[in-house]
């Protein structure tokens, strides 16, 4: 008797295959046929789970974001400053999984220029991360909500800038250099706004 297929598990296998293709070669590489082959399935099997490429791509982006969120600590460390730094380090391409997430995100940023659903997903993901970082900033530095949001935006901009350099110059931007640079920038950014 054939084994029952877990729909969520199969969708995960397919979105992970799409993410690998996108990270290696861009969104154009994520054809239905190539994603199915990457996952070890037929195109017919893929279309059982995703009606078309657009649905697969949106699900791939959402799955990549959810994987990043799921790796956040469920219990914050006692030291709120360390929690903030760990969260920002989590946004850097320090390992293969985070590098792949960044490559998928960059590909989807370009695609979102002509796609309202992808643009909305990008915007919502950024806002969720900014709110998460702002909550950590408030806890660590005792600033009001508005200042916490402004600091969160600056801290994320610093982390994103480090990430971009590391993505395209991995030899020059090792994981240690990324972490060190972020640690050096954080006090200057936080010091730019005084607690109320």
Protein backbone atom coordinates (compact mmCIF):
# COMPACT_ATOMS: atom_id res chain seq x y z
CA UNK A 1 0.00 0.00 0.00
CA UNK A 2 1.50 3.39 -0.97
CA UNK A 3 2.46 5.72 1.85
CA UNK A 4 0.06 8.63 2.39
CA UNK A 5 1.57 11.94 1.30
CA UNK A 6 1.77 14.70 3.90
CA UNK A 7 0.65 17.77 1.94
CA UNK A 8 2.48 20.29 4.14
CA UNK A 9 5.65 18.21 4.02
CA UNK A 10 5.49 17.95 0.22
CA UNK A 11 4.87 21.70 -0.13
CA UNK A 12 7.91 22.29 2.10
CA UNK A 13 10.07 20.02 -0.07
CA UNK A 14 8.95 21.96 -3.14
CA UNK A 15 9.46 25.46 -1.68
CA UNK A 16 12.90 24.44 -0.41
CA UNK A 17 13.78 23.18 -3.90
CA UNK A 18 12.58 26.46 -5.40
CA UNK A 19 14.62 28.44 -2.83
CA UNK A 20 17.78 26.49 -3.72
CA UNK A 21 17.27 27.18 -7.44
CA UNK A 22 16.53 30.86 -6.85
CA UNK A 23 19.57 31.25 -4.59
CA UNK A 24 21.83 29.61 -7.19
CA UNK A 25 20.47 31.13 -10.39
CA UNK A 26 17.67 33.64 -9.79
CA UNK A 27 13.90 33.52 -10.11
CA UNK A 28 14.05 32.67 -13.80
CA UNK A 29 15.65 29.34 -12.86
CA UNK A 30 12.63 28.37 -10.78
CA UNK A 31 10.54 26.96 -13.62
CA UNK A 32 7.89 24.44 -12.64
CA UNK A 33 9.82 21.69 -14.41
CA UNK A 34 13.17 22.57 -12.81
CA UNK A 35 11.69 22.91 -9.32
CA UNK A 36 10.03 19.52 -9.68
CA UNK A 37 13.33 17.99 -10.86
CA UNK A 38 15.24 19.64 -7.99
CA UNK A 39 12.75 18.09 -5.57
CA UNK A 40 12.94 14.69 -7.28
CA UNK A 41 9.33 14.85 -8.49
CA UNK A 42 7.47 15.22 -11.76
CA UNK A 43 5.96 18.49 -12.94
CA UNK A 44 2.55 16.85 -12.65
CA UNK A 45 3.19 16.14 -8.97
CA UNK A 46 4.23 19.77 -8.40
CA UNK A 47 1.04 21.11 -10.00
CA UNK A 48 -0.94 19.05 -7.51
CA UNK A 49 0.41 21.35 -4.76
CA UNK A 50 0.86 24.65 -6.62
CA UNK A 51 -1.44 25.77 -9.41
CA UNK A 52 1.19 27.88 -11.15
CA UNK A 53 4.64 29.41 -10.86
CA UNK A 54 3.36 32.59 -9.20
CA UNK A 55 1.70 30.62 -6.40
CA UNK A 56 4.89 28.56 -5.95
CA UNK A 57 7.05 31.70 -5.83
CA UNK A 58 4.87 33.47 -3.27
CA UNK A 59 4.81 30.34 -1.12
CA UNK A 60 8.60 30.02 -1.43
CA UNK A 61 9.10 33.59 -0.24
CA UNK A 62 6.67 33.15 2.66
CA UNK A 63 8.34 29.85 3.65
CA UNK A 64 11.78 31.48 3.60
CA UNK A 65 10.53 34.26 5.87
CA UNK A 66 8.86 31.79 8.22
CA UNK A 67 12.06 29.76 8.48
CA UNK A 68 13.95 32.90 9.54
CA UNK A 69 11.26 33.79 12.11
CA UNK A 70 11.22 30.27 13.51
CA UNK A 71 14.92 30.52 14.27
CA UNK A 72 14.43 33.44 16.62
CA UNK A 73 14.83 32.40 20.23
CA UNK A 74 11.47 31.63 21.83
CA UNK A 75 12.81 32.79 25.16
CA UNK A 76 14.71 36.04 25.17
CA UNK A 77 18.08 35.98 26.96
CA UNK A 78 18.07 37.78 30.30
CA UNK A 79 20.38 40.46 28.88
CA UNK A 80 18.21 42.59 26.55
CA UNK A 81 21.31 44.04 24.84
CA UNK A 82 22.46 40.54 23.90
CA UNK A 83 18.96 39.70 22.65
CA UNK A 84 19.03 42.73 20.37
CA UNK A 85 22.49 41.90 19.02
CA UNK A 86 21.55 38.24 18.48
CA UNK A 87 18.43 39.26 16.55
CA UNK A 88 20.39 41.58 14.27
CA UNK A 89 23.10 38.94 13.78
CA UNK A 90 20.30 36.57 12.77
CA UNK A 91 19.69 38.85 9.79
CA UNK A 92 23.27 38.49 8.53
CA UNK A 93 24.28 35.81 5.99
CA UNK A 94 26.51 34.02 8.49
CA UNK A 95 25.75 30.50 7.24
CA UNK A 96 24.36 28.71 4.17
CA UNK A 97 20.74 28.88 5.32
CA UNK A 98 20.84 32.63 5.95
CA UNK A 99 22.77 33.21 2.73
CA UNK A 100 20.05 31.32 0.81
CA UNK A 101 17.33 33.36 2.54
CA UNK A 102 19.09 36.58 1.51
CA UNK A 103 19.44 35.46 -2.11
CA UNK A 104 15.74 34.55 -2.22
CA UNK A 105 14.84 37.90 -0.64
CA UNK A 106 16.92 39.87 -3.15
CA UNK A 107 15.39 37.96 -6.06
CA UNK A 108 11.92 38.65 -4.73
CA UNK A 109 12.67 42.34 -4.21
CA UNK A 110 13.37 42.66 -7.92
CA UNK A 111 10.26 40.63 -8.80
CA UNK A 112 8.10 42.71 -6.41
CA UNK A 113 8.58 45.81 -8.57
CA UNK A 114 5.82 44.58 -10.86
CA UNK A 115 3.79 42.43 -8.48
CA UNK A 116 1.54 43.96 -5.82
CA UNK A 117 1.22 40.72 -3.83
CA UNK A 118 4.99 40.25 -3.62
CA UNK A 119 5.48 43.93 -2.79
CA UNK A 120 2.92 43.63 0.01
CA UNK A 121 4.61 40.49 1.33
CA UNK A 122 7.99 42.29 1.32
CA UNK A 123 6.55 45.33 3.08
CA UNK A 124 4.76 43.26 5.70
CA UNK A 125 7.87 41.17 6.37
CA UNK A 126 9.97 44.30 6.86
CA UNK A 127 7.40 45.88 9.18
CA UNK A 128 7.16 42.72 11.27
CA UNK A 129 10.95 42.59 11.65
CA UNK A 130 11.15 46.31 12.43
CA UNK A 131 8.49 45.93 15.13
CA UNK A 132 10.35 42.96 16.61
CA UNK A 133 13.64 44.88 16.69
CA UNK A 134 11.91 47.99 18.07
CA UNK A 135 10.47 45.96 20.95
CA UNK A 136 13.97 44.71 21.75
CA UNK A 137 15.35 48.26 21.53
CA UNK A 138 12.71 49.49 23.99
CA UNK A 139 13.57 46.69 26.39
CA UNK A 140 17.34 47.20 26.07
CA UNK A 141 17.50 50.99 26.00
CA UNK A 142 14.35 52.35 27.63
CA UNK A 143 13.35 54.65 24.78
CA UNK A 144 9.79 55.53 23.79
CA UNK A 145 8.01 53.78 20.92
CA UNK A 146 8.83 56.40 18.27
CA UNK A 147 12.53 56.48 19.15
CA UNK A 148 12.59 52.68 19.30
CA UNK A 149 11.20 52.48 15.76
CA UNK A 150 13.72 55.00 14.45
CA UNK A 151 16.58 53.13 16.12
CA UNK A 152 15.26 49.82 14.78
CA UNK A 153 15.22 51.24 11.25
CA UNK A 154 18.82 52.44 11.61
CA UNK A 155 20.01 49.17 13.11
CA UNK A 156 18.31 47.17 10.37
CA UNK A 157 19.83 49.46 7.73
CA UNK A 158 23.28 48.76 9.21
CA UNK A 159 22.68 45.01 9.29
CA UNK A 160 21.32 45.08 5.72
CA UNK A 161 24.36 47.05 4.52
CA UNK A 162 26.72 44.54 6.10
CA UNK A 163 24.70 41.69 4.61
CA UNK A 164 24.83 43.14 1.10
CA UNK A 165 28.59 43.49 1.23
CA UNK A 166 28.98 39.97 2.63
CA UNK A 167 26.73 38.45 -0.04
CA UNK A 168 28.78 39.82 -2.90
CA UNK A 169 32.22 39.77 -1.26
CA UNK A 170 32.18 36.68 0.95
CA UNK A 171 35.99 36.45 1.03
CA UNK A 172 36.25 40.00 2.36
CA UNK A 173 33.30 39.70 4.75
CA UNK A 174 33.69 36.57 6.86
CA UNK A 175 31.09 35.75 9.51
CA UNK A 176 33.48 37.09 12.17
CA UNK A 177 33.90 40.39 10.32
CA UNK A 178 30.13 40.75 9.85
CA UNK A 179 29.52 40.21 13.58
CA UNK A 180 32.39 42.49 14.60
CA UNK A 181 31.25 45.32 12.30
CA UNK A 182 27.68 45.09 13.58
CA UNK A 183 28.91 45.16 17.19
CA UNK A 184 31.00 48.26 16.40
CA UNK A 185 28.10 50.10 14.73
CA UNK A 186 25.39 49.35 17.28
CA UNK A 187 26.60 51.69 20.07
CA UNK A 188 26.95 54.63 17.66
CA UNK A 189 23.46 54.09 16.28
CA UNK A 190 21.87 53.64 19.69
CA UNK A 191 23.77 56.65 21.04
CA UNK A 192 22.24 58.81 18.32
CA UNK A 193 18.96 58.95 20.26
CA UNK A 194 18.91 59.69 23.97
CA UNK A 195 16.39 57.96 26.26
CA UNK A 196 13.31 60.03 27.08
